[in-house]
C-alpha atoms as a PDB file:
ATOM      1  CA  MET A   1      42.924  82.794  15.205  1.00  0.00           C
ATOM      2  CA  LYS A   2      45.148  80.626  13.083  1.00  0.00           C
ATOM      3  CA  GLY A   3      47.670  80.404  15.934  1.00  0.00           C
ATOM      4  CA  ARG A   4      44.998  79.252  18.361  1.00  0.00           C
ATOM      5  CA  ASN A   5      43.884  76.524  15.909  1.00  0.00           C
ATOM      6  CA  VAL A   6      47.455  75.226  15.696  1.00  0.00           C
ATOM      7  CA  LEU A   7      47.675  75.068  19.474  1.00  0.00           C
ATOM      8  CA  LEU A   8      44.301  73.333  19.681  1.00  0.00           C
ATOM      9  CA  ILE A   9      45.298  70.731  17.107  1.00  0.00           C
ATOM     10  CA  ALA A  10      48.586  70.079  18.924  1.00  0.00           C
ATOM     11  CA  ALA A  11      46.743  69.665  22.228  1.00  0.00           C
ATOM     12  CA  LEU A  12      44.245  67.255  20.665  1.00  0.00           C
ATOM     13  CA  CYS A  13      47.061  65.193  19.142  1.00  0.00           C
ATOM     14  CA  PHE A  14      48.759  64.984  22.522  1.00  0.00           C
ATOM     15  CA  LEU A  15      45.548  63.813  24.198  1.00  0.00           C
ATOM     16  CA  LEU A  16      44.998  61.204  21.489  1.00  0.00           C
ATOM     17  CA  LEU A  17      48.505  59.882  21.960  1.00  0.00           C
ATOM     18  CA  LEU A  18      47.845  59.505  25.684  1.00  0.00           C
ATOM     19  CA  ALA A  19      44.464  57.883  25.110  1.00  0.00           C
ATOM     20  CA  TYR A  20      45.840  55.271  22.708  1.00  0.00           C
ATOM     21  CA  GLY A  21      48.990  54.610  24.733  1.00  0.00           C
ATOM     22  CA  CYS A  22      51.491  55.778  22.157  1.00  0.00           C
ATOM     23  CA  GLY A  23      54.941  55.146  23.598  1.00  0.00           C
ATOM     24  CA  ASP A  24      53.537  53.202  26.560  1.00  0.00           C
ATOM     25  CA  ASP A  25      55.722  50.206  27.411  1.00  0.00           C
ATOM     26  CA  ASP A  26      52.802  48.273  28.880  1.00  0.00           C
ATOM     27  CA  ASP A  27      50.323  47.837  26.050  1.00  0.00           C
ATOM     28  CA  GLY A  28      48.490  44.977  27.709  1.00  0.00           C
ATOM     29  CA  GLY A  29      49.635  42.647  24.954  1.00  0.00           C
ATOM     30  CA  GLY A  30      51.630  40.250  27.117  1.00  0.00           C
ATOM     31  CA  PRO A  31      52.336  39.082  30.641  1.00  0.00           C
ATOM     32  CA  ASN A  32      54.311  41.193  33.052  1.00  0.00           C
ATOM     33  CA  ALA A  33      57.426  39.983  34.853  1.00  0.00           C
ATOM     34  CA  GLN A  34      55.596  38.460  37.818  1.00  0.00           C
ATOM     35  CA  GLU A  35      53.159  36.655  35.539  1.00  0.00           C
ATOM     36  CA  LEU A  36      56.087  35.231  33.584  1.00  0.00           C
ATOM     37  CA  ILE A  37      57.684  34.054  36.836  1.00  0.00           C
ATOM     38  CA  ASP A  38      54.423  32.351  37.825  1.00  0.00           C
ATOM     39  CA  GLN A  39      54.225  30.727  34.386  1.00  0.00           C
ATOM     40  CA  GLY A  40      57.815  29.578  34.738  1.00  0.00           C
ATOM     41  CA  TRP A  41      57.120  27.852  38.040  1.00  0.00           C
ATOM     42  CA  ALA A  42      54.008  26.204  36.620  1.00  0.00           C
ATOM     43  CA  LYS A  43      56.066  24.800  33.741  1.00  0.00           C
ATOM     44  CA  PHE A  44      58.829  23.770  36.124  1.00  0.00           C
ATOM     45  CA  GLY A  45      56.307  21.850  38.212  1.00  0.00           C
ATOM     46  CA  ALA A  46      54.983  20.155  35.075  1.00  0.00           C
ATOM     47  CA  GLY A  47      58.478  19.084  34.001  1.00  0.00           C
ATOM     48  CA  ASP A  48      58.780  21.588  31.145  1.00  0.00           C
ATOM     49  CA  ASN A  49      62.150  22.912  32.267  1.00  0.00           C
ATOM     50  CA  ALA A  50      63.062  24.419  28.891  1.00  0.00           C
ATOM     51  CA  GLY A  51      59.787  26.337  28.860  1.00  0.00           C
ATOM     52  CA  ALA A  52      60.400  27.436  32.438  1.00  0.00           C
ATOM     53  CA  SER A  53      63.840  28.764  31.485  1.00  0.00           C
ATOM     54  CA  GLY A  54      62.261  30.723  28.659  1.00  0.00           C
ATOM     55  CA  ASP A  55      59.731  32.343  30.975  1.00  0.00           C
ATOM     56  CA  PHE A  56      62.290  33.184  33.658  1.00  0.00           C
ATOM     57  CA  ASN A  57      64.600  34.713  31.055  1.00  0.00           C
ATOM     58  CA  ALA A  58      61.701  36.712  29.625  1.00  0.00           C
ATOM     59  CA  ALA A  59      60.855  37.958  33.131  1.00  0.00           C
ATOM     60  CA  LEU A  60      64.461  39.069  33.606  1.00  0.00           C
ATOM     61  CA  GLY A  61      64.216  40.991  30.349  1.00  0.00           C
ATOM     62  CA  LEU A  62      61.234  42.915  31.702  1.00  0.00           C
ATOM     63  CA  ASP A  63      62.268  43.398  35.318  1.00  0.00           C
ATOM     64  CA  PRO A  64      65.328  41.669  36.827  1.00  0.00           C
ATOM     65  CA  GLN A  65      64.260  42.814  40.321  1.00  0.00           C
ATOM     66  CA  ALA A  66      60.726  41.391  40.211  1.00  0.00           C
ATOM     67  CA  ASN A  67      59.689  39.689  43.460  1.00  0.00           C
ATOM     68  CA  ASP A  68      63.129  40.014  45.011  1.00  0.00           C
ATOM     69  CA  TYR A  69      65.017  38.722  41.942  1.00  0.00           C
ATOM     70  CA  GLU A  70      63.034  35.467  41.900  1.00  0.00           C
ATOM     71  CA  ALA A  71      63.530  34.961  38.150  1.00  0.00           C
ATOM     72  CA  TYR A  72      67.251  34.334  38.712  1.00  0.00           C
ATOM     73  CA  PHE A  73      66.379  31.752  41.348  1.00  0.00           C
ATOM     74  CA  GLY A  74      63.873  29.998  39.111  1.00  0.00           C
ATOM     75  CA  LEU A  75      66.251  30.104  36.184  1.00  0.00           C
ATOM     76  CA  GLY A  76      68.939  28.414  38.257  1.00  0.00           C
ATOM     77  CA  TRP A  77      66.704  25.477  39.082  1.00  0.00           C
ATOM     78  CA  ALA A  78      65.290  25.184  35.560  1.00  0.00           C
ATOM     79  CA  GLU A  79      68.774  25.166  34.021  1.00  0.00           C
ATOM     80  CA  LEU A  80      70.003  22.672  36.615  1.00  0.00           C
ATOM     81  CA  LYS A  81      67.138  20.327  35.760  1.00  0.00           C
ATOM     82  CA  GLN A  82      68.245  20.476  32.116  1.00  0.00           C
ATOM     83  CA  GLY A  83      71.809  19.548  32.995  1.00  0.00           C
ATOM     84  CA  LYS A  84      73.108  23.039  32.262  1.00  0.00           C
ATOM     85  CA  ALA A  85      75.133  23.307  35.444  1.00  0.00           C
ATOM     86  CA  GLY A  86      77.232  26.289  34.373  1.00  0.00           C
ATOM     87  CA  LEU A  87      74.180  28.392  33.556  1.00  0.00           C
ATOM     88  CA  ALA A  88      72.545  27.253  36.787  1.00  0.00           C
ATOM     89  CA  GLU A  89      75.611  28.296  38.755  1.00  0.00           C
ATOM     90  CA  ASP A  90      75.592  31.740  37.134  1.00  0.00           C
ATOM     91  CA  ALA A  91      71.915  32.250  37.973  1.00  0.00           C
ATOM     92  CA  PHE A  92      72.262  31.103  41.587  1.00  0.00           C
ATOM     93  CA  VAL A  93      75.387  33.195  42.187  1.00  0.00           C
ATOM     94  CA  THR A  94      73.650  36.272  40.762  1.00  0.00           C
ATOM     95  CA  PHE A  95      70.573  35.614  42.887  1.00  0.00           C
ATOM     96  CA  LEU A  96      72.600  35.198  46.084  1.00  0.00           C
ATOM     97  CA  SER A  97      74.567  38.372  45.348  1.00  0.00           C
ATOM     98  CA  LYS A  98      71.355  40.407  45.229  1.00  0.00           C
ATOM     99  CA  THR A  99      69.169  39.066  48.029  1.00  0.00           C
ATOM    100  CA  SER A 100      69.147  36.915  51.134  1.00  0.00           C
ATOM    101  CA  SER A 101      65.724  35.405  50.407  1.00  0.00           C
ATOM    102  CA  LEU A 102      65.467  31.654  49.738  1.00  0.00           C
ATOM    103  CA  GLU A 103      69.127  31.378  50.668  1.00  0.00           C
ATOM    104  CA  ASP A 104      69.122  27.682  51.595  1.00  0.00           C
ATOM    105  CA  ASP A 105      67.232  26.728  48.429  1.00  0.00           C
ATOM    106  CA  ALA A 106      69.664  28.654  46.258  1.00  0.00           C
ATOM    107  CA  LYS A 107      72.745  27.288  48.024  1.00  0.00           C
ATOM    108  CA  ALA A 108      71.431  23.741  47.718  1.00  0.00           C
ATOM    109  CA  GLY A 109      70.964  24.245  43.999  1.00  0.00           C
ATOM    110  CA  LEU A 110      74.408  25.777  43.826  1.00  0.00           C
ATOM    111  CA  ALA A 111      75.937  22.744  45.595  1.00  0.00           C
ATOM    112  CA  LEU A 112      74.348  20.448  43.013  1.00  0.00           C
ATOM    113  CA  ALA A 113      75.506  22.675  40.163  1.00  0.00           C
ATOM    114  CA  TYR A 114      79.055  22.719  41.521  1.00  0.00           C
ATOM    115  CA  HIS A 115      79.046  18.938  41.836  1.00  0.00           C
ATOM    116  CA  ALA A 116      77.997  18.522  38.214  1.00  0.00           C
ATOM    117  CA  GLN A 117      81.025  20.627  37.263  1.00  0.00           C
ATOM    118  CA  VAL A 118      83.405  18.701  39.576  1.00  0.00           C
ATOM    119  CA  LYS A 119      84.017  21.798  41.718  1.00  0.00           C
ATOM    120  CA  PHE A 120      84.267  19.701  44.847  1.00  0.00           C
ATOM    121  CA  ASP A 121      85.679  22.295  47.247  1.00  0.00           C
ATOM    122  CA  ASP A 122      82.831  24.618  46.331  1.00  0.00           C
ATOM    123  CA  VAL A 123      80.334  21.778  46.830  1.00  0.00           C
ATOM    124  CA  ILE A 124      81.630  21.280  50.355  1.00  0.00           C
ATOM    125  CA  ASP A 125      81.284  24.957  51.254  1.00  0.00           C
ATOM    126  CA  ALA A 126      77.735  25.297  49.890  1.00  0.00           C
ATOM    127  CA  ALA A 127      76.433  21.936  51.100  1.00  0.00           C
ATOM    128  CA  GLU A 128      77.803  22.371  54.615  1.00  0.00           C
ATOM    129  CA  GLU A 129      76.050  25.733  54.893  1.00  0.00           C
ATOM    130  CA  VAL A 130      72.718  24.267  53.796  1.00  0.00           C
ATOM    131  CA  LEU A 131      72.852  21.276  56.126  1.00  0.00           C
ATOM    132  CA  ALA A 132      74.060  23.364  59.065  1.00  0.00           C
ATOM    133  CA  ALA A 133      71.162  25.776  58.603  1.00  0.00           C
ATOM    134  CA  ASP A 134      68.528  23.076  57.995  1.00  0.00           C
ATOM    135  CA  PRO A 135      69.483  19.392  58.338  1.00  0.00           C
ATOM    136  CA  ASP A 136      66.027  18.421  57.023  1.00  0.00           C
ATOM    137  CA  TRP A 137      66.038  20.790  54.062  1.00  0.00           C
ATOM    138  CA  SER A 138      63.780  20.126  51.080  1.00  0.00           C
ATOM    139  CA  PHE A 139      63.008  22.237  48.029  1.00  0.00           C
ATOM    140  CA  SER A 140      59.439  23.493  48.263  1.00  0.00           C
ATOM    141  CA  ARG A 141      59.018  23.651  44.498  1.00  0.00           C
ATOM    142  CA  ALA A 142      60.186  20.047  44.079  1.00  0.00           C
ATOM    143  CA  PRO A 143      60.091  18.203  47.436  1.00  0.00           C
ATOM    144  CA  GLU A 144      61.761  15.151  45.922  1.00  0.00           C
ATOM    145  CA  ILE A 145      64.961  17.227  45.984  1.00  0.00           C
ATOM    146  CA  ASP A 146      66.027  17.328  49.606  1.00  0.00           C
ATOM    147  CA  TYR A 147      68.801  17.158  52.190  1.00  0.00           C
ATOM    148  CA  LEU A 148      69.762  13.635  51.116  1.00  0.00           C
ATOM    149  CA  ASP A 149      70.745  14.923  47.662  1.00  0.00           C
ATOM    150  CA  VAL A 150      72.844  17.618  49.282  1.00  0.00           C
ATOM    151  CA  ALA A 151      74.382  15.160  51.774  1.00  0.00           C
ATOM    152  CA  LEU A 152      75.259  12.705  49.014  1.00  0.00           C
ATOM    153  CA  VAL A 153      77.155  15.240  46.911  1.00  0.00           C
ATOM    154  CA  LEU A 154      78.835  16.414  50.110  1.00  0.00           C
ATOM    155  CA  ALA A 155      79.984  12.895  51.054  1.00  0.00           C
ATOM    156  CA  HIS A 156      81.201  12.274  47.509  1.00  0.00           C
ATOM    157  CA  SER A 157      83.056  15.585  47.406  1.00  0.00           C
ATOM    158  CA  TYR A 158      84.810  14.845  50.683  1.00  0.00           C
ATOM    159  CA  TYR A 159      85.821  11.459  49.297  1.00  0.00           C
ATOM    160  CA  ILE A 160      87.167  12.916  46.035  1.00  0.00           C
ATOM    161  CA  THR A 161      89.175  15.518  47.955  1.00  0.00           C
ATOM    162  CA  ALA A 162      90.658  12.683  50.069  1.00  0.00           C
ATOM    163  CA  ASP A 163      88.909  13.686  53.277  1.00  0.00           C
ATOM    164  CA  PHE A 164      87.740  10.125  53.879  1.00  0.00           C
ATOM    165  CA  THR A 165      86.936  10.629  57.549  1.00  0.00           C
ATOM    166  CA  GLU A 166      84.476  13.434  56.793  1.00  0.00           C
ATOM    167  CA  SER A 167      82.985  11.476  53.908  1.00  0.00           C
ATOM    168  CA  LEU A 168      82.337   8.541  56.213  1.00  0.00           C
ATOM    169  CA  GLN A 169      80.834  10.831  58.837  1.00  0.00           C
ATOM    170  CA  VAL A 170      78.338  12.278  56.364  1.00  0.00           C
ATOM    171  CA  VAL A 171      77.343   8.771  55.290  1.00  0.00           C
ATOM    172  CA  ARG A 172      76.805   7.780  58.936  1.00  0.00           C
ATOM    173  CA  ASP A 173      74.939  10.988  59.801  1.00  0.00           C
ATOM    174  CA  PHE A 174      72.512  10.954  56.888  1.00  0.00           C
ATOM    175  CA  PHE A 175      72.319   7.466  55.402  1.00  0.00           C
ATOM    176  CA  ASP A 176      73.546   4.583  57.541  1.00  0.00           C
ATOM    177  CA  PRO A 177      74.474   5.158  61.186  1.00  0.00           C
ATOM    178  CA  GLY A 178      75.724   1.582  61.472  1.00  0.00           C
ATOM    179  CA  PHE A 179      78.137   1.779  58.569  1.00  0.00           C
ATOM    180  CA  SER A 180      81.723   1.613  59.782  1.00  0.00           C
ATOM    181  CA  VAL A 181      85.002   1.125  57.913  1.00  0.00           C
ATOM    182  CA  ASP A 182      88.628   1.940  58.543  1.00  0.00           C
ATOM    183  CA  THR A 183      89.271   4.827  56.154  1.00  0.00           C
ATOM    184  CA  SER A 184      92.988   4.729  56.881  1.00  0.00           C
ATOM    185  CA  THR A 185      93.285   1.540  54.826  1.00  0.00           C
ATOM    186  CA  PRO A 186      92.855   0.963  51.090  1.00  0.00           C
ATOM    187  CA  GLU A 187      90.228  -1.686  51.793  1.00  0.00           C
ATOM    188  CA  GLY A 188      88.247   0.669  54.008  1.00  0.00           C
ATOM    189  CA  ARG A 189      88.350   3.387  51.375  1.00  0.00           C
ATOM    190  CA  LYS A 190      87.152   0.937  48.761  1.00  0.00           C
ATOM    191  CA  GLN A 191      84.274  -0.081  50.981  1.00  0.00           C
ATOM    192  CA  LEU A 192      83.375   3.577  51.449  1.00  0.00           C
ATOM    193  CA  ALA A 193      83.523   4.147  47.698  1.00  0.00           C
ATOM    194  CA  ASP A 194      81.268   1.138  47.152  1.00  0.00           C
ATOM    195  CA  LYS A 195      78.846   2.528  49.724  1.00  0.00           C
ATOM    196  CA  LEU A 196      78.717   5.881  47.964  1.00  0.00           C
ATOM    197  CA  ASN A 197      78.109   4.157  44.635  1.00  0.00           C
ATOM    198  CA  SER A 198      75.276   2.149  46.133  1.00  0.00           C
ATOM    199  CA  LEU A 199      73.708   5.336  47.500  1.00  0.00           C
ATOM    200  CA  TYR A 200      73.853   6.899  44.042  1.00  0.00           C
ATOM    201  CA  THR A 201      72.343   3.910  42.289  1.00  0.00           C
ATOM    202  CA  GLY A 202      69.976   2.811  45.034  1.00  0.00           C
END
C-alpha cells in the first residue's frame, strides 16, 4: 500500500509540473521570434533604429531561422541606418549565406555598407548585381532608399578605382543622360568628380 502511495504521489507531481509548465521554454511571458521581428520592423519604420536592432537581436536569440532568417536581414538595415556599417555587413552576409529570399534588398544594403567602409571593389560587385536584376529597385520597408542610392555609390566607386569611363556611364544611365566629359583628361575627370559631388549634395 505504501508503495502504491509513493507512485501515486510521484504521478501527481509529474502532472502538476506539466499543468504549470515547469521547464517549458514558452511561458507566455514575452513575444516570440516572429513577434519580435514584427516589432523591429515597426520601430524601423518609425525611425527607432536602435530599438529595431534590439528586437532583431532578441529574435535571433530565440530563433535565428524565424521567417527565413529575416531577423538578420532586418538587423542589417537597422545597423546600417545607425551608421554601423561593419555590423550591417556582417548581418547581410550571414543572411545571404542562408537564404535566397529578399536577395536584391540585402545586396543593396550590402553595397551601401561596403561603401561606408571604403570597400569599393565590393561595392561594384554588389551594386552591379542589384541594378542588373532590377534597374528600378527600391526598398519596400523604406521606399526613399532606391536604385539611385545604389547607382550613386556605384558611380563613386568606379571613380575611386580609376574606372572613369564606367563612372561616367553610370552617371549618364541613371542621373543625367546629357552629361558628357572627356574622362581621359584631368579636366574631364575633375568635371566628373564635381558632378558626383553635386549628386551627393543635391
